[in-house]
Protein backbone atom coordinates (compact mmCIF):
# COMPACT_ATOMS: atom_id res chain seq x y z
CA MET A 1 -30.88 32.20 269.54
CA ASN A 2 -31.38 33.86 272.76
CA THR A 3 -34.52 35.83 273.06
CA SER A 4 -33.76 37.99 276.09
CA ALA A 5 -33.06 41.56 275.65
CA PHE A 6 -29.59 42.01 273.97
CA ILE A 7 -26.83 43.36 276.56
CA PRO A 8 -24.74 45.95 274.89
CA PHE A 9 -21.12 46.50 275.47
CA ALA A 10 -21.68 49.76 277.19
CA ARG A 11 -24.85 51.75 277.91
CA PRO A 12 -24.37 55.36 279.48
CA ASP A 13 -25.81 56.06 282.67
CA ILE A 14 -27.65 59.22 282.17
CA GLY A 15 -30.60 60.56 284.32
CA GLU A 16 -33.16 63.14 284.64
CA GLU A 17 -30.82 65.61 286.34
CA GLU A 18 -28.27 65.31 283.15
CA ILE A 19 -31.15 65.76 280.92
CA ALA A 20 -32.34 68.96 283.03
CA ALA A 21 -28.84 70.49 283.16
CA VAL A 22 -28.37 70.06 279.40
CA ALA A 23 -31.91 71.67 279.13
CA HIS A 24 -30.89 74.38 281.22
CA ALA A 25 -27.64 75.26 279.32
CA MET A 26 -29.96 75.01 276.14
CA ARG A 27 -32.45 77.59 277.40
CA SER A 28 -29.86 80.04 278.87
CA GLY A 29 -29.03 81.13 275.48
CA TRP A 30 -25.42 80.18 275.71
CA VAL A 31 -24.76 76.90 274.30
CA THR A 32 -21.28 77.10 273.13
CA THR A 33 -17.92 77.44 275.38
CA GLY A 34 -19.30 79.38 278.34
CA PRO A 35 -20.32 79.29 281.97
CA GLU A 36 -21.20 76.08 282.50
CA THR A 37 -17.87 74.91 280.78
CA ARG A 38 -16.06 77.08 282.86
CA ALA A 39 -17.88 75.82 286.00
CA PHE A 40 -17.14 72.06 284.76
CA GLU A 41 -13.38 72.95 284.39
CA GLN A 42 -13.20 74.52 288.08
CA GLU A 43 -15.15 71.49 289.56
CA PHE A 44 -13.03 68.89 287.95
CA GLY A 45 -9.98 70.47 289.23
CA ASP A 46 -11.47 70.34 292.78
CA PHE A 47 -12.52 66.68 292.37
CA LEU A 48 -8.80 66.03 291.63
CA GLY A 49 -7.57 68.07 294.65
CA GLY A 50 -6.87 71.62 293.17
CA GLY A 51 -3.55 72.85 292.22
CA VAL A 52 -4.18 72.11 288.81
CA GLN A 53 -5.19 73.95 285.44
CA CYS A 54 -8.26 71.91 283.56
CA ILE A 55 -8.82 72.55 279.97
CA ALA A 56 -12.29 71.36 278.49
CA VAL A 57 -11.86 70.12 275.02
CA ASN A 58 -14.26 68.44 272.39
CA SER A 59 -12.36 65.03 272.56
CA ALA A 60 -9.51 63.24 274.50
CA THR A 61 -7.78 63.11 271.17
CA ALA A 62 -7.96 67.03 270.86
CA GLY A 63 -6.71 66.98 274.37
CA LEU A 64 -3.78 64.76 273.71
CA HIS A 65 -3.05 67.10 270.47
CA LEU A 66 -3.09 70.36 272.53
CA ALA A 67 -0.70 68.95 275.21
CA LEU A 68 1.79 67.69 272.57
CA GLU A 69 1.67 70.96 270.47
CA ALA A 70 2.29 72.76 273.87
CA MET A 71 5.26 71.20 274.78
CA GLY A 72 6.97 71.96 271.16
CA ILE A 73 6.75 68.42 269.59
CA GLY A 74 7.12 68.59 265.87
CA PRO A 75 8.72 67.12 262.84
CA GLY A 76 11.83 64.75 263.66
CA ASP A 77 10.96 64.23 266.97
CA GLU A 78 9.91 60.78 268.77
CA VAL A 79 7.43 59.93 271.02
CA ILE A 80 7.22 56.59 272.88
CA ALA A 81 3.88 55.02 273.39
CA PRO A 82 2.30 51.49 273.89
CA THR A 83 1.38 49.46 270.81
CA LEU A 84 -1.67 48.36 272.95
CA THR A 85 -3.78 51.42 272.57
CA PHE A 86 -6.46 52.87 270.46
CA THR A 87 -4.73 54.89 267.65
CA ALA A 88 -6.11 58.15 269.08
CA THR A 89 -2.79 57.81 271.26
CA THR A 90 -0.22 58.03 268.35
CA GLU A 91 -2.19 59.64 265.57
CA VAL A 92 -1.85 63.02 267.34
CA ILE A 93 1.93 62.53 267.27
CA ARG A 94 1.58 62.29 263.43
CA TYR A 95 -0.75 65.25 263.36
CA LEU A 96 2.86 67.10 264.59
CA GLY A 97 5.10 65.43 261.99
CA ALA A 98 6.69 63.69 264.64
CA ASP A 99 7.07 59.78 264.71
CA PRO A 100 5.61 57.32 267.55
CA VAL A 101 7.99 54.50 268.82
CA LEU A 102 5.58 51.52 269.88
CA VAL A 103 6.48 49.72 272.98
CA ASP A 104 5.33 46.01 274.33
CA CYS A 105 3.54 45.56 277.02
CA ASP A 106 3.73 44.08 280.20
CA PRO A 107 2.16 40.13 280.12
CA PHE A 108 0.46 40.86 283.48
CA THR A 109 -1.09 44.57 283.31
CA LEU A 110 -1.01 44.64 279.75
CA ASN A 111 0.09 48.65 280.32
CA ILE A 112 3.38 49.66 278.71
CA ASP A 113 6.51 47.78 279.87
CA PRO A 114 8.99 50.12 281.48
CA CYS A 115 11.37 47.58 280.64
CA LYS A 116 11.22 48.12 276.92
CA ILE A 117 10.94 51.92 277.29
CA GLU A 118 14.61 52.90 277.57
CA ALA A 119 15.71 50.58 275.00
CA ALA A 120 13.46 52.58 272.28
CA ILE A 121 14.90 55.88 273.48
CA THR A 122 16.96 57.48 270.82
CA PRO A 123 18.53 61.30 270.35
CA ARG A 124 14.96 62.11 268.94
CA THR A 125 13.09 61.11 271.62
CA LYS A 126 11.14 63.96 273.27
CA ALA A 127 8.19 62.48 275.47
CA ILE A 128 6.86 59.25 276.92
CA MET A 129 2.77 58.61 276.34
CA PRO A 130 2.09 56.25 279.09
CA VAL A 131 -1.64 54.73 278.78
CA HIS A 132 -3.61 53.72 281.93
CA TYR A 133 -5.00 50.55 279.93
CA GLY A 134 -8.34 49.55 281.09
CA GLY A 135 -8.16 52.19 284.28
CA LEU A 136 -4.84 50.14 285.92
CA ALA A 137 -2.27 52.82 286.45
CA CYS A 138 0.70 52.13 284.85
CA ASP A 139 4.23 51.83 286.87
CA MET A 140 4.56 55.44 286.79
CA ASP A 141 7.53 55.55 289.37
CA ARG A 142 9.58 53.81 286.99
CA ILE A 143 8.48 55.84 284.01
CA PHE A 144 9.32 59.26 285.88
CA ALA A 145 12.47 57.66 286.61
CA ILE A 146 13.46 56.88 282.95
CA ALA A 147 12.07 60.65 281.87
CA GLN A 148 14.13 62.33 284.29
CA LYS A 149 17.31 60.28 283.37
CA TYR A 150 16.71 61.38 279.48
CA GLN A 151 14.97 64.39 280.09
CA LEU A 152 11.80 63.41 278.53
CA ARG A 153 8.77 64.90 278.84
CA VAL A 154 5.77 62.59 280.39
CA LEU A 155 2.04 62.85 278.82
CA GLU A 156 -0.43 60.49 280.22
CA ASP A 157 -3.10 58.96 278.36
CA ALA A 158 -5.71 58.84 281.10
CA ALA A 159 -8.52 58.10 278.64
CA HIS A 160 -9.55 55.16 281.05
CA ALA A 161 -8.40 56.39 284.01
CA LEU A 162 -10.98 58.41 286.09
CA PRO A 163 -10.49 58.00 288.92
CA THR A 164 -7.50 55.84 289.14
CA THR A 165 -4.65 56.21 291.67
CA TRP A 166 -1.01 55.43 291.58
CA LYS A 167 0.31 54.98 295.04
CA GLY A 168 -2.70 56.82 296.45
CA THR A 169 -2.39 59.77 294.04
CA LEU A 170 -4.94 60.12 291.78
CA VAL A 171 -4.08 60.45 288.01
CA GLY A 172 -4.01 63.71 287.37
CA GLN A 173 -2.21 64.91 290.29
CA LEU A 174 0.95 62.88 289.51
CA PRO A 175 4.38 64.85 288.41
CA SER A 176 3.65 64.63 284.59
CA ASP A 177 3.77 67.39 282.30
CA ALA A 178 0.11 66.62 281.47
CA ALA A 179 -2.70 64.22 281.78
CA VAL A 180 -5.59 63.71 279.52
CA PHE A 181 -8.93 62.44 280.43
CA SER A 182 -11.85 60.91 278.09
CA PHE A 183 -15.33 61.66 278.57
CA TYR A 184 -16.71 59.47 275.57
CA ALA A 185 -20.15 57.63 275.79
CA ASN A 186 -18.66 54.28 276.96
CA LYS A 187 -16.23 55.87 279.44
CA THR A 188 -16.51 56.09 283.33
CA MET A 189 -18.34 59.35 282.87
CA THR A 190 -19.46 60.83 279.86
CA THR A 191 -20.40 64.67 278.17
CA GLY A 192 -21.34 62.55 274.82
CA GLU A 193 -17.93 63.46 273.27
CA GLY A 194 -15.38 65.56 275.05
CA GLY A 195 -12.09 65.31 277.27
CA MET A 196 -10.19 67.49 279.80
CA VAL A 197 -6.72 68.13 279.66
CA VAL A 198 -4.98 68.67 283.55
CA THR A 199 -1.66 70.19 283.74
CA LYS A 200 0.20 71.72 286.62
CA ASP A 201 2.38 73.62 284.02
CA GLU A 202 1.14 77.43 283.66
CA ALA A 203 2.88 78.06 280.52
CA LEU A 204 1.59 74.71 278.93
CA ALA A 205 -2.13 75.68 280.14
CA ALA A 206 -1.69 79.24 278.67
CA ARG A 207 -0.82 77.84 275.39
CA MET A 208 -3.30 75.29 275.14
CA LYS A 209 -6.06 77.64 276.31
CA VAL A 210 -5.11 79.87 273.06
CA MET A 211 -4.56 76.84 270.82
CA ARG A 212 -7.98 75.31 271.90
CA LEU A 213 -9.83 78.26 270.10
CA HIS A 214 -8.19 79.17 266.81
CA GLY A 215 -4.94 80.58 268.18
CA ILE A 216 -7.05 83.86 269.61
CA ASN A 217 -5.02 85.72 272.20
CA ARG A 218 -8.09 86.14 274.34
CA ASP A 219 -10.83 83.67 275.89
CA ALA A 220 -14.15 83.72 273.66
CA PHE A 221 -16.46 83.70 276.76
CA ASP A 222 -14.48 86.79 278.03
CA ARG A 223 -14.67 88.57 274.74
CA PHE A 224 -18.76 87.85 274.45
CA THR A 225 -19.58 88.58 277.91
CA SER A 226 -17.81 91.70 278.47
CA LYS A 227 -19.54 94.71 279.59
CA THR A 228 -17.41 96.98 277.57
CA PRO A 229 -16.78 96.82 273.66
CA ALA A 230 -14.40 93.77 273.24
CA TRP A 231 -14.53 93.41 269.39
CA TYR A 232 -10.42 93.46 268.96
CA TYR A 233 -8.92 90.22 269.19
CA GLU A 234 -5.45 88.78 268.01
CA ILE A 235 -4.32 85.62 266.32
CA VAL A 236 -1.21 84.78 267.74
CA ALA A 237 -0.90 81.24 266.41
CA PRO A 238 -2.78 78.71 263.87
CA GLY A 239 -4.65 77.02 266.21
CA PHE A 240 -7.57 74.54 266.43
CA LYS A 241 -11.39 74.41 267.22
CA TYR A 242 -11.42 71.91 270.05
CA ASN A 243 -13.60 73.62 272.61
CA MET A 244 -16.21 72.17 274.72
CA THR A 245 -19.88 73.44 274.23
CA ASP A 246 -22.05 74.61 277.43
CA MET A 247 -24.14 71.58 276.97
CA ALA A 248 -21.52 69.01 277.52
CA GLY A 249 -20.20 71.10 280.42
CA ALA A 250 -23.26 70.91 281.97
CA LEU A 251 -23.71 67.10 281.18
CA GLY A 252 -20.05 66.53 282.84
CA ARG A 253 -20.95 68.74 286.05
CA VAL A 254 -23.68 66.28 286.85
CA GLN A 255 -21.45 63.31 285.90
CA LEU A 256 -18.78 64.54 287.84
CA LYS A 257 -20.95 64.73 290.94
CA ARG A 258 -21.86 60.89 290.18
CA LEU A 259 -18.59 59.98 289.88
CA PRO A 260 -17.90 58.28 293.49
CA ALA A 261 -21.29 56.35 293.21
CA PHE A 262 -20.22 55.15 289.46
CA LEU A 263 -16.93 54.18 290.87
CA LYS A 264 -18.38 52.10 293.84
CA ARG A 265 -20.70 50.33 291.02
CA ARG A 266 -17.93 49.54 288.88
CA GLN A 267 -16.09 48.30 291.46
CA GLN A 268 -19.16 45.99 292.58
CA LEU A 269 -19.39 44.85 289.13
CA ALA A 270 -15.77 43.87 288.58
CA GLN A 271 -15.32 42.06 292.05
CA ARG A 272 -18.28 39.97 291.34
CA TYR A 273 -16.66 39.04 287.80
CA LEU A 274 -13.30 38.20 289.34
CA GLU A 275 -14.89 35.89 291.88
CA ALA A 276 -17.40 34.41 289.61
CA LEU A 277 -15.35 33.79 286.75
CA LYS A 278 -11.93 32.46 288.79
CA GLU A 279 -12.47 28.87 287.75
CA LEU A 280 -12.94 29.06 283.93
CA PRO A 281 -9.88 28.77 281.60
CA LEU A 282 -9.51 32.43 281.78
CA ILE A 283 -6.78 35.09 282.26
CA LEU A 284 -8.57 37.80 284.66
CA PRO A 285 -7.54 41.57 284.53
CA ALA A 286 -5.36 42.46 287.31
CA ASP A 287 -6.86 44.56 290.15
CA ALA A 288 -4.98 47.60 291.43
CA PRO A 289 -2.13 47.04 293.98
CA ALA A 290 -3.47 47.21 297.60
CA GLY A 291 -4.42 50.76 298.69
CA ASP A 292 -5.16 51.95 295.23
CA VAL A 293 -7.64 52.58 292.76
CA HIS A 294 -8.63 50.92 289.52
CA SER A 295 -11.25 52.68 287.47
CA TRP A 296 -12.55 49.56 285.88
CA HIS A 297 -13.23 51.33 282.60
CA LEU A 298 -12.90 47.96 280.87
CA PHE A 299 -13.24 44.45 282.07
CA VAL A 300 -10.61 42.54 279.72
CA LEU A 301 -10.71 38.59 279.75
CA ARG A 302 -7.94 36.27 277.87
CA LEU A 303 -8.51 32.60 277.01
CA ALA A 304 -5.93 30.46 279.04
CA GLU A 305 -3.94 27.83 277.37
CA GLY A 306 -5.99 24.69 276.80
CA ALA A 307 -9.11 26.42 276.40
CA LYS A 308 -11.34 24.42 274.06
CA VAL A 309 -12.84 27.28 272.09
CA THR A 310 -10.95 30.23 270.06
CA ARG A 311 -11.40 34.04 271.06
CA ASP A 312 -13.34 34.43 267.83
CA GLU A 313 -15.79 31.66 269.18
CA VAL A 314 -16.44 33.14 272.37
CA ILE A 315 -17.64 36.08 271.03
CA GLN A 316 -19.79 34.63 268.23
CA GLN A 317 -21.20 32.54 271.12
CA LEU A 318 -21.97 35.49 273.61
CA SER A 319 -23.30 37.46 270.48
CA ASP A 320 -25.83 34.36 270.15
CA ALA A 321 -26.55 34.69 273.99
CA GLY A 322 -27.70 38.24 273.10
CA ILE A 323 -24.50 39.80 274.78
CA GLY A 324 -22.28 42.35 273.41
CA THR A 325 -18.59 42.09 273.41
CA SER A 326 -15.49 44.23 272.06
CA VAL A 327 -11.71 43.75 271.75
CA HIS A 328 -9.39 46.29 273.40
CA TYR A 329 -7.37 46.35 271.20
CA VAL A 330 -6.40 45.51 267.62
CA PRO A 331 -2.63 46.38 268.64
CA LEU A 332 -1.17 49.30 266.61
CA HIS A 333 1.75 47.45 264.76
CA ARG A 334 -1.24 45.21 263.33
CA GLN A 335 -2.77 48.54 261.95
CA PRO A 336 -2.03 48.84 258.15
CA TYR A 337 -1.02 52.29 258.55
CA TRP A 338 1.11 51.78 261.40
CA ARG A 339 2.26 48.65 260.43
CA ASP A 340 3.36 49.81 256.82
CA ARG A 341 4.70 52.93 257.53
CA TYR A 342 7.01 51.66 260.52
CA GLN A 343 7.81 48.15 259.25
CA LEU A 344 6.43 46.85 262.26
CA THR A 345 5.73 43.13 262.74
CA PRO A 346 4.29 41.06 265.51
CA GLU A 347 7.53 39.35 266.52
CA MET A 348 8.64 42.98 267.70
CA PHE A 349 5.73 42.77 270.11
CA PRO A 350 5.35 39.17 271.38
CA GLU A 351 3.28 40.01 274.58
CA ALA A 352 0.82 42.52 273.10
CA ASP A 353 0.46 40.20 270.03
CA LYS A 354 -0.05 36.77 272.09
CA ALA A 355 -2.66 39.11 274.47
CA TYR A 356 -4.27 40.16 271.45
CA GLN A 357 -5.31 37.01 269.86
CA SER A 358 -6.96 35.56 273.23
CA MET A 359 -8.72 39.04 274.31
CA PHE A 360 -11.99 40.22 274.77
CA SER A 361 -13.80 42.81 276.69
CA ILE A 362 -17.35 41.95 278.37
CA PRO A 363 -19.93 44.68 279.49
CA LEU A 364 -19.07 46.48 282.60
CA PHE A 365 -21.23 49.81 282.72
CA THR A 366 -23.04 50.99 285.87
CA ALA A 367 -26.50 51.06 284.49
CA MET A 368 -26.15 47.25 284.23
CA SER A 369 -28.42 45.33 286.50
CA ASP A 370 -27.21 42.39 288.75
CA ALA A 371 -29.51 40.40 286.57
CA GLU A 372 -27.52 41.45 283.30
CA GLN A 373 -24.48 40.21 284.80
CA GLU A 374 -25.54 37.23 285.94
CA ARG A 375 -26.78 36.39 282.54
CA ILE A 376 -23.25 37.22 281.13
CA ILE A 377 -21.66 35.15 284.00
CA ALA A 378 -23.83 32.44 283.18
CA ALA A 379 -23.20 32.17 279.42
CA LEU A 380 -19.35 32.34 279.90
CA HIS A 381 -19.80 29.20 282.01
CA ALA A 382 -21.73 27.62 279.58
CA ILE A 383 -19.21 28.32 276.87
CA LEU A 384 -15.90 27.62 278.67
CA GLY A 385 -17.30 25.60 281.67
């Protein structure tokens, strides 16, 4: 058993500036949605290049739910989504009484396969939810073409995709109806928990802002900071409790300033892995096309044909060496709820199922030292070399 310090699968990169910003928010006396969250929304929109409305929420899951609700998705509707994703992508569809229709992945990128989308469309289909898996953009040109042909909404699950680009354009500025980013602890930047919905559609933004906080027809921050009596409000819909706290907003503002440096470090780590592991019996993750940006939220390896160990044995041996790993993901068609409700079988999703049986994710986080990465590389060579 390795006695060196354990290398976790992920470790947040939080410094003294973040701690000071959160402390300042706490001392201000305003800790729920307020000036820090407002500023974070504005600065996030500026980071994307402007021309978008940003709605800060307490999780990306909440953001996906708000976006679908604002689009009018409801009972009897269908939404197309990949099977190779976390359950949050599709659970929000069920929140609204609609049904997800799962689609297989591309064997190279592991993103949703556009070739399989069109065959999944029925008269009940109302939207497509592509997931930019691991931080690599989906083939959005083909997805937008299909959506336009069938008059479908497009909601990007961009939980992994900050700051990913497609053909030179940042995710969040593409012509989708909305995109939702995650700031969970292991993402490319964090607010602890939290997310951001981005849209250019003013009607969608207005609906989401109302539904984010109980269906109240006025912004709570405006009500509580007004200089005139402003106790009266109206409930116009049965909304949700999805607002972001000012402490999270303060943390997000500092993390957003550091995002370019975070990206540079992730790219360095990813390129080092790609070079150091290329001779091993592994299928390495796809890089972004020339001129585009992969956010490198995840570094997902797959065992190649002929590897002398199984995926589970590799994970166990890495654990024995003091290295954390994960699997992204057990496909939804293998999860009991989705499998049983929709009578799904592995044979229906051959590429995702094959990938799942050989895949494992190794640590890739900006707080990782070069020495830690060398330990991971050396351990993989010892196991697979």
